[in-house]
Amino acid sequence: MALFKKRTAGKPGEWYYCLQHKKVEEGPECPAKDRFGPYASREEATQAMETARERNLEWENDPRWHDAPRGGGDDA
């Protein structure tokens, strides 16, 4: 018996960005591993890649994520 039911139809108003097909979908059409979302609107889903890019830059520059200086650690 499966632990989780596979949802075959999306809910109206749930928007996703498919990484495989590079398109916005209403409701999950593609597998979860291939999409970002859900988003509240089509416009938010359209901006998914830009939002991800901005968040990645924020995290890369967040001093809380960098405990040791790069290249100078003794991780051997």
Protein backbone atom coordinates (compact mmCIF):
# COMPACT_ATOMS: atom_id res chain seq x y z
CA MET A 1 0.00 0.00 0.00
CA ALA A 2 1.32 3.42 -0.92
CA LEU A 3 2.00 5.93 1.83
CA PHE A 4 1.02 8.86 -0.34
CA LYS A 5 -1.73 9.07 -2.89
CA LYS A 6 -0.61 10.25 -6.30
CA ARG A 7 -2.57 13.32 -7.23
CA THR A 8 -3.61 12.98 -10.84
CA ALA A 9 -5.38 16.32 -11.25
CA GLY A 10 -4.31 19.71 -10.04
CA LYS A 11 -6.39 22.19 -8.14
CA PRO A 12 -7.51 25.33 -9.91
CA GLY A 13 -5.42 28.23 -8.69
CA GLU A 14 -2.27 26.16 -8.02
CA TRP A 15 0.47 27.24 -10.40
CA TYR A 16 3.77 25.49 -11.03
CA TYR A 17 6.83 26.02 -13.19
CA CYS A 18 7.98 22.86 -14.98
CA LEU A 19 11.77 22.66 -15.17
CA GLN A 20 11.63 19.91 -17.79
CA HIS A 21 9.35 21.70 -20.26
CA LYS A 22 10.19 25.26 -19.16
CA LYS A 23 6.55 26.26 -18.94
CA VAL A 24 3.94 27.33 -16.42
CA GLU A 25 1.29 24.76 -15.48
CA GLU A 26 -1.98 25.13 -13.61
CA GLY A 27 -2.08 22.21 -11.24
CA PRO A 28 0.66 19.61 -11.20
CA GLU A 29 1.01 18.12 -14.66
CA CYS A 30 4.62 16.94 -14.37
CA PRO A 31 6.31 14.98 -11.56
CA ALA A 32 7.27 16.92 -8.42
CA LYS A 33 10.98 16.37 -9.10
CA ASP A 34 10.62 18.46 -12.27
CA ARG A 35 8.76 21.50 -10.96
CA PHE A 36 8.81 24.51 -8.65
CA GLY A 37 5.68 25.54 -6.80
CA PRO A 38 2.92 25.84 -5.97
CA TYR A 39 2.61 29.56 -6.58
CA ALA A 40 -0.45 31.70 -5.89
CA SER A 41 -0.62 33.12 -9.41
CA ARG A 42 0.48 32.49 -12.98
CA GLU A 43 2.67 35.60 -12.77
CA GLU A 44 4.57 34.24 -9.75
CA ALA A 45 5.11 30.91 -11.51
CA THR A 46 6.35 32.73 -14.61
CA GLN A 47 9.04 34.38 -12.47
CA ALA A 48 10.08 31.10 -10.78
CA MET A 49 13.55 30.90 -12.30
CA GLU A 50 14.33 34.55 -11.52
CA THR A 51 13.07 34.08 -7.95
CA ALA A 52 15.28 31.00 -7.54
CA ARG A 53 18.29 32.88 -8.96
CA GLU A 54 17.75 35.77 -6.51
CA ARG A 55 17.36 33.43 -3.53
CA ASN A 56 20.49 31.50 -4.48
CA LEU A 57 22.48 34.74 -4.56
CA GLU A 58 21.12 35.73 -1.14
CA TRP A 59 22.07 32.37 0.35
CA GLU A 60 25.52 32.37 -1.25
CA ASN A 61 26.21 35.79 0.26
CA ASP A 62 24.69 35.08 3.67
CA PRO A 63 27.53 35.02 6.25
CA ARG A 64 25.58 32.57 8.42
CA TRP A 65 26.14 29.86 5.78
CA HIS A 66 29.91 30.29 5.64
CA ASP A 67 31.56 29.00 8.82
CA ALA A 68 35.09 28.84 7.45
CA PRO A 69 36.87 30.86 4.79
CA ARG A 70 36.94 29.20 1.37
CA GLY A 71 40.11 27.40 0.36
CA GLY A 72 41.75 27.71 3.75
CA GLY A 73 40.14 24.88 5.65
CA ASP A 74 41.73 21.72 7.01
CA ASP A 75 39.05 19.36 5.72
CA ALA A 76 41.50 16.67 4.58
